[in-house]
Amino acid sequence: MKDYKPTSLAVYGFIASMIASLQLPLFGLVLSKYIFILALPGDPPCPSSTSALCYDQATYNYKRNMMTMYFVILCFGIGLSTYLQKYFFGRGGENLTFTLRVKLFAAILRKNIGWFDNKNRAPGILTNIITEDISSVNGLTTESVGIAVEAGLGLFFSCLICFIFAWQLAIIVTITSPFMVLGGLG
């Protein structure tokens, strides 16, 4: 990672990953509120003893439109944060790949001619190392880091939202999440 230049791309990528980690918990929150609003339409007349769950058509339309706008804003934020995450980590990965290839090629050019006599240092093998192995390093250091940060923080924010709204559910989610992660790995 010391060859990862400029490091500001990694910082911006981490920030975008942190923002992207909020997408699924916020989507679940907005969706649950939206379903609750749609389940209680204001079209039928409310009984004379109005409760907090019953409201008129104007209030229903207002709440429905506001939740729709929240969905649009959330979808725009999801798209933008995911794009920025991929962009920053992709650019940093391209710079890392270029730097490593240049350093490796320069090191190969400085070798003594006898170094190339070994069959493990044939031109095809060296070219394969320059193209494929360095690309593997790029994938390991960029995409996987962004995904790991997004997944870890997404789990944290999901548990935090659960603790805010229903601590009983949060305890169950916190206890069972390691098993869900292990089940996803298998």
C-alpha atoms as a PDB file:
ATOM      1  CA  MET A   1       0.000   0.000   0.000  1.00  0.00           C
ATOM      2  CA  LYS A   2       2.989   2.342   0.200  1.00  0.00           C
ATOM      3  CA  ASP A   3       2.871   2.529  -3.610  1.00  0.00           C
ATOM      4  CA  TYR A   4      -0.792   3.571  -3.533  1.00  0.00           C
ATOM      5  CA  LYS A   5      -0.515   7.152  -4.782  1.00  0.00           C
ATOM      6  CA  PRO A   6      -2.156   9.601  -4.247  1.00  0.00           C
ATOM      7  CA  THR A   7      -3.397   8.477  -0.869  1.00  0.00           C
ATOM      8  CA  SER A   8      -6.203  11.029  -1.027  1.00  0.00           C
ATOM      9  CA  LEU A   9      -7.996   8.690  -3.459  1.00  0.00           C
ATOM     10  CA  ALA A  10      -8.051   6.005  -0.757  1.00  0.00           C
ATOM     11  CA  VAL A  11      -9.385   8.493   1.804  1.00  0.00           C
ATOM     12  CA  TYR A  12     -12.136   9.631  -0.585  1.00  0.00           C
ATOM     13  CA  GLY A  13     -12.909   5.993  -1.365  1.00  0.00           C
ATOM     14  CA  PHE A  14     -13.259   5.194   2.335  1.00  0.00           C
ATOM     15  CA  ILE A  15     -15.570   8.180   2.824  1.00  0.00           C
ATOM     16  CA  ALA A  16     -17.698   7.057  -0.121  1.00  0.00           C
ATOM     17  CA  SER A  17     -17.750   3.525   1.343  1.00  0.00           C
ATOM     18  CA  MET A  18     -18.936   4.890   4.666  1.00  0.00           C
ATOM     19  CA  ILE A  19     -21.741   6.782   2.939  1.00  0.00           C
ATOM     20  CA  ALA A  20     -22.601   3.727   0.827  1.00  0.00           C
ATOM     21  CA  SER A  21     -22.786   1.600   3.980  1.00  0.00           C
ATOM     22  CA  LEU A  22     -25.822   3.615   5.047  1.00  0.00           C
ATOM     23  CA  GLN A  23     -27.770   2.689   1.924  1.00  0.00           C
ATOM     24  CA  LEU A  24     -29.317  -0.624   3.012  1.00  0.00           C
ATOM     25  CA  PRO A  25     -30.224   0.416   6.587  1.00  0.00           C
ATOM     26  CA  LEU A  26     -31.782   3.659   5.349  1.00  0.00           C
ATOM     27  CA  PHE A  27     -33.560   1.831   2.540  1.00  0.00           C
ATOM     28  CA  GLY A  28     -35.098  -0.565   5.066  1.00  0.00           C
ATOM     29  CA  LEU A  29     -36.130   2.315   7.322  1.00  0.00           C
ATOM     30  CA  VAL A  30     -37.728   4.347   4.527  1.00  0.00           C
ATOM     31  CA  LEU A  31     -39.413   1.266   3.051  1.00  0.00           C
ATOM     32  CA  SER A  32     -40.957   0.268   6.381  1.00  0.00           C
ATOM     33  CA  LYS A  33     -42.333   3.772   6.919  1.00  0.00           C
ATOM     34  CA  TYR A  34     -43.620   3.866   3.336  1.00  0.00           C
ATOM     35  CA  ILE A  35     -45.425   0.533   3.705  1.00  0.00           C
ATOM     36  CA  PHE A  36     -46.977   1.744   6.966  1.00  0.00           C
ATOM     37  CA  ILE A  37     -48.293   4.865   5.226  1.00  0.00           C
ATOM     38  CA  LEU A  38     -49.658   2.893   2.275  1.00  0.00           C
ATOM     39  CA  ALA A  39     -51.346   0.401   4.615  1.00  0.00           C
ATOM     40  CA  LEU A  40     -53.434   3.164   6.203  1.00  0.00           C
ATOM     41  CA  PRO A  41     -55.023   5.088   3.337  1.00  0.00           C
ATOM     42  CA  GLY A  42     -57.090   8.110   4.240  1.00  0.00           C
ATOM     43  CA  ASP A  43     -59.758   7.373   1.655  1.00  0.00           C
ATOM     44  CA  PRO A  44     -62.341   5.685   3.884  1.00  0.00           C
ATOM     45  CA  PRO A  45     -63.920   8.051   6.368  1.00  0.00           C
ATOM     46  CA  CYS A  46     -62.375   7.989   9.810  1.00  0.00           C
ATOM     47  CA  PRO A  47     -64.578   7.050  12.763  1.00  0.00           C
ATOM     48  CA  SER A  48     -65.780   9.839  15.000  1.00  0.00           C
ATOM     49  CA  SER A  49     -63.110   9.051  17.587  1.00  0.00           C
ATOM     50  CA  THR A  50     -60.077   9.813  15.442  1.00  0.00           C
ATOM     51  CA  SER A  51     -56.920   8.050  16.412  1.00  0.00           C
ATOM     52  CA  ALA A  52     -53.323   8.742  15.499  1.00  0.00           C
ATOM     53  CA  LEU A  53     -53.481   5.967  12.872  1.00  0.00           C
ATOM     54  CA  CYS A  54     -56.326   7.541  10.912  1.00  0.00           C
ATOM     55  CA  TYR A  55     -55.933  10.688   8.818  1.00  0.00           C
ATOM     56  CA  ASP A  56     -57.664  12.453   5.966  1.00  0.00           C
ATOM     57  CA  GLN A  57     -56.925  12.200   2.248  1.00  0.00           C
ATOM     58  CA  ALA A  58     -54.813  15.383   2.132  1.00  0.00           C
ATOM     59  CA  THR A  59     -52.542  14.169   4.933  1.00  0.00           C
ATOM     60  CA  TYR A  60     -52.318  10.747   3.289  1.00  0.00           C
ATOM     61  CA  ASN A  61     -51.312  12.296  -0.064  1.00  0.00           C
ATOM     62  CA  TYR A  62     -48.760  14.551   1.604  1.00  0.00           C
ATOM     63  CA  LYS A  63     -47.124  11.706   3.549  1.00  0.00           C
ATOM     64  CA  ARG A  64     -47.148   9.425   0.495  1.00  0.00           C
ATOM     65  CA  ASN A  65     -45.526  12.106  -1.667  1.00  0.00           C
ATOM     66  CA  MET A  66     -42.907  12.887   0.986  1.00  0.00           C
ATOM     67  CA  MET A  67     -41.938   9.229   1.310  1.00  0.00           C
ATOM     68  CA  THR A  68     -41.734   8.969  -2.470  1.00  0.00           C
ATOM     69  CA  MET A  69     -39.374  11.949  -2.492  1.00  0.00           C
ATOM     70  CA  TYR A  70     -37.299  10.287   0.243  1.00  0.00           C
ATOM     71  CA  PHE A  71     -37.028   7.223  -1.992  1.00  0.00           C
ATOM     72  CA  VAL A  72     -35.907   9.322  -4.952  1.00  0.00           C
ATOM     73  CA  ILE A  73     -33.310  11.152  -2.849  1.00  0.00           C
ATOM     74  CA  LEU A  74     -32.141   7.861  -1.323  1.00  0.00           C
ATOM     75  CA  CYS A  75     -31.790   6.218  -4.736  1.00  0.00           C
ATOM     76  CA  PHE A  76     -29.831   9.204  -6.028  1.00  0.00           C
ATOM     77  CA  GLY A  77     -27.566   9.046  -2.952  1.00  0.00           C
ATOM     78  CA  ILE A  78     -27.059   5.302  -3.367  1.00  0.00           C
ATOM     79  CA  GLY A  79     -26.098   5.719  -7.006  1.00  0.00           C
ATOM     80  CA  LEU A  80     -23.762   8.643  -6.336  1.00  0.00           C
ATOM     81  CA  SER A  81     -21.989   7.050  -3.360  1.00  0.00           C
ATOM     82  CA  THR A  82     -21.530   3.745  -5.183  1.00  0.00           C
ATOM     83  CA  TYR A  83     -20.211   5.537  -8.263  1.00  0.00           C
ATOM     84  CA  LEU A  84     -17.766   7.616  -6.204  1.00  0.00           C
ATOM     85  CA  GLN A  85     -16.594   4.555  -4.294  1.00  0.00           C
ATOM     86  CA  LYS A  86     -15.890   2.636  -7.503  1.00  0.00           C
ATOM     87  CA  TYR A  87     -14.312   5.690  -9.137  1.00  0.00           C
ATOM     88  CA  PHE A  88     -11.897   6.569  -6.333  1.00  0.00           C
ATOM     89  CA  PHE A  89     -10.822   3.009  -5.636  1.00  0.00           C
ATOM     90  CA  GLY A  90     -10.606   2.301  -9.379  1.00  0.00           C
ATOM     91  CA  ARG A  91      -8.388   5.307 -10.059  1.00  0.00           C
ATOM     92  CA  GLY A  92      -6.192   4.484  -7.091  1.00  0.00           C
ATOM     93  CA  GLY A  93      -5.974   0.868  -8.258  1.00  0.00           C
ATOM     94  CA  GLU A  94      -4.982   1.942 -11.768  1.00  0.00           C
ATOM     95  CA  ASN A  95      -2.238   4.140 -10.342  1.00  0.00           C
ATOM     96  CA  LEU A  96      -1.058   1.291  -8.101  1.00  0.00           C
ATOM     97  CA  THR A  97      -1.013  -1.161 -11.012  1.00  0.00           C
ATOM     98  CA  PHE A  98       0.907   1.264 -13.212  1.00  0.00           C
ATOM     99  CA  THR A  99       3.473   2.001 -10.490  1.00  0.00           C
ATOM    100  CA  LEU A 100       4.042  -1.683  -9.709  1.00  0.00           C
ATOM    101  CA  ARG A 101       4.400  -2.603 -13.388  1.00  0.00           C
ATOM    102  CA  VAL A 102       6.910   0.177 -14.004  1.00  0.00           C
ATOM    103  CA  LYS A 103       8.961  -0.803 -10.946  1.00  0.00           C
ATOM    104  CA  LEU A 104       8.934  -4.494 -11.880  1.00  0.00           C
ATOM    105  CA  PHE A 105       9.845  -3.804 -15.494  1.00  0.00           C
ATOM    106  CA  ALA A 106      12.666  -1.474 -14.439  1.00  0.00           C
ATOM    107  CA  ALA A 107      13.977  -4.148 -12.042  1.00  0.00           C
ATOM    108  CA  ILE A 108      13.863  -6.776 -14.819  1.00  0.00           C
ATOM    109  CA  LEU A 109      15.775  -4.493 -17.179  1.00  0.00           C
ATOM    110  CA  ARG A 110      18.550  -4.034 -14.611  1.00  0.00           C
ATOM    111  CA  LYS A 111      19.154  -7.772 -14.236  1.00  0.00           C
ATOM    112  CA  ASN A 112      22.283  -9.456 -15.514  1.00  0.00           C
ATOM    113  CA  ILE A 113      21.860 -11.369 -18.789  1.00  0.00           C
ATOM    114  CA  GLY A 114      22.542 -14.647 -16.989  1.00  0.00           C
ATOM    115  CA  TRP A 115      19.438 -14.113 -14.839  1.00  0.00           C
ATOM    116  CA  PHE A 116      17.244 -14.832 -17.880  1.00  0.00           C
ATOM    117  CA  ASP A 117      18.805 -18.295 -18.463  1.00  0.00           C
ATOM    118  CA  ASN A 118      16.555 -19.865 -15.838  1.00  0.00           C
ATOM    119  CA  LYS A 119      13.445 -21.478 -17.390  1.00  0.00           C
ATOM    120  CA  ASN A 120      11.255 -19.855 -14.690  1.00  0.00           C
ATOM    121  CA  ARG A 121      12.277 -16.443 -16.077  1.00  0.00           C
ATOM    122  CA  ALA A 122      11.220 -16.948 -19.678  1.00  0.00           C
ATOM    123  CA  PRO A 123       9.704 -13.924 -21.438  1.00  0.00           C
ATOM    124  CA  GLY A 124       6.200 -15.425 -21.345  1.00  0.00           C
ATOM    125  CA  ILE A 125       6.350 -16.043 -17.614  1.00  0.00           C
ATOM    126  CA  LEU A 126       7.672 -12.547 -16.915  1.00  0.00           C
ATOM    127  CA  THR A 127       4.960 -11.022 -19.103  1.00  0.00           C
ATOM    128  CA  ASN A 128       2.346 -13.069 -17.254  1.00  0.00           C
ATOM    129  CA  ILE A 129       3.642 -11.744 -13.937  1.00  0.00           C
ATOM    130  CA  ILE A 130       3.549  -8.168 -15.196  1.00  0.00           C
ATOM    131  CA  THR A 131      -0.009  -8.463 -16.520  1.00  0.00           C
ATOM    132  CA  GLU A 132      -1.981 -10.897 -14.370  1.00  0.00           C
ATOM    133  CA  ASP A 133      -0.253 -11.084 -11.002  1.00  0.00           C
ATOM    134  CA  ILE A 134      -0.066  -7.335 -10.580  1.00  0.00           C
ATOM    135  CA  SER A 135      -3.734  -7.046 -11.566  1.00  0.00           C
ATOM    136  CA  SER A 136      -4.506  -9.498  -8.762  1.00  0.00           C
ATOM    137  CA  VAL A 137      -2.733  -7.190  -6.316  1.00  0.00           C
ATOM    138  CA  ASN A 138      -4.880  -4.336  -7.622  1.00  0.00           C
ATOM    139  CA  GLY A 139      -8.105  -6.260  -7.003  1.00  0.00           C
ATOM    140  CA  LEU A 140      -6.976  -7.317  -3.566  1.00  0.00           C
ATOM    141  CA  THR A 141      -6.117  -3.807  -2.406  1.00  0.00           C
ATOM    142  CA  THR A 142      -8.923  -1.748  -3.921  1.00  0.00           C
ATOM    143  CA  GLU A 143     -12.269  -3.452  -4.513  1.00  0.00           C
ATOM    144  CA  SER A 144     -12.102  -5.804  -1.541  1.00  0.00           C
ATOM    145  CA  VAL A 145     -11.222  -2.992   0.864  1.00  0.00           C
ATOM    146  CA  GLY A 146     -14.199  -0.912  -0.264  1.00  0.00           C
ATOM    147  CA  ILE A 147     -16.572  -3.859  -0.001  1.00  0.00           C
ATOM    148  CA  ALA A 148     -15.261  -4.830   3.445  1.00  0.00           C
ATOM    149  CA  VAL A 149     -15.642  -1.275   4.773  1.00  0.00           C
ATOM    150  CA  GLU A 150     -19.139  -0.998   3.310  1.00  0.00           C
ATOM    151  CA  ALA A 151     -20.242  -4.359   4.738  1.00  0.00           C
ATOM    152  CA  GLY A 152     -18.797  -3.764   8.202  1.00  0.00           C
ATOM    153  CA  LEU A 153     -20.215  -0.286   8.589  1.00  0.00           C
ATOM    154  CA  GLY A 154     -23.534  -1.386   7.081  1.00  0.00           C
ATOM    155  CA  LEU A 155     -23.835  -4.020   9.802  1.00  0.00           C
ATOM    156  CA  PHE A 156     -22.912  -1.444  12.448  1.00  0.00           C
ATOM    157  CA  PHE A 157     -25.441   1.133  11.209  1.00  0.00           C
ATOM    158  CA  SER A 158     -28.163  -1.529  10.929  1.00  0.00           C
ATOM    159  CA  CYS A 159     -27.650  -2.535  14.543  1.00  0.00           C
ATOM    160  CA  LEU A 160     -27.575   1.127  15.586  1.00  0.00           C
ATOM    161  CA  ILE A 161     -30.903   1.830  13.875  1.00  0.00           C
ATOM    162  CA  CYS A 162     -32.354  -1.278  15.540  1.00  0.00           C
ATOM    163  CA  PHE A 163     -31.188  -0.049  18.956  1.00  0.00           C
ATOM    164  CA  ILE A 164     -32.783   3.342  18.334  1.00  0.00           C
ATOM    165  CA  PHE A 165     -36.194   1.998  17.309  1.00  0.00           C
ATOM    166  CA  ALA A 166     -36.550  -1.361  19.086  1.00  0.00           C
ATOM    167  CA  TRP A 167     -33.882  -2.530  21.506  1.00  0.00           C
ATOM    168  CA  GLN A 168     -35.459  -6.008  21.794  1.00  0.00           C
ATOM    169  CA  LEU A 169     -35.086  -6.543  18.059  1.00  0.00           C
ATOM    170  CA  ALA A 170     -31.571  -5.096  18.188  1.00  0.00           C
ATOM    171  CA  ILE A 171     -30.456  -7.709  20.702  1.00  0.00           C
ATOM    172  CA  ILE A 172     -31.761 -10.511  18.495  1.00  0.00           C
ATOM    173  CA  VAL A 173     -30.160  -8.998  15.370  1.00  0.00           C
ATOM    174  CA  THR A 174     -26.826  -8.484  17.139  1.00  0.00           C
ATOM    175  CA  ILE A 175     -26.765 -12.065  18.406  1.00  0.00           C
ATOM    176  CA  THR A 176     -27.763 -13.655  15.085  1.00  0.00           C
ATOM    177  CA  SER A 177     -25.710 -11.481  12.692  1.00  0.00           C
ATOM    178  CA  PRO A 178     -22.476 -13.488  13.057  1.00  0.00           C
ATOM    179  CA  PHE A 179     -24.412 -16.611  12.074  1.00  0.00           C
ATOM    180  CA  MET A 180     -25.892 -14.841   9.042  1.00  0.00           C
ATOM    181  CA  VAL A 181     -22.401 -13.723   7.997  1.00  0.00           C
ATOM    182  CA  LEU A 182     -21.025 -17.240   8.401  1.00  0.00           C
ATOM    183  CA  GLY A 183     -23.987 -18.613   6.443  1.00  0.00           C
ATOM    184  CA  GLY A 184     -23.309 -16.160   3.634  1.00  0.00           C
ATOM    185  CA  LEU A 185     -19.686 -17.272   3.426  1.00  0.00           C
ATOM    186  CA  GLY A 186     -20.598 -20.941   2.996  1.00  0.00           C
END
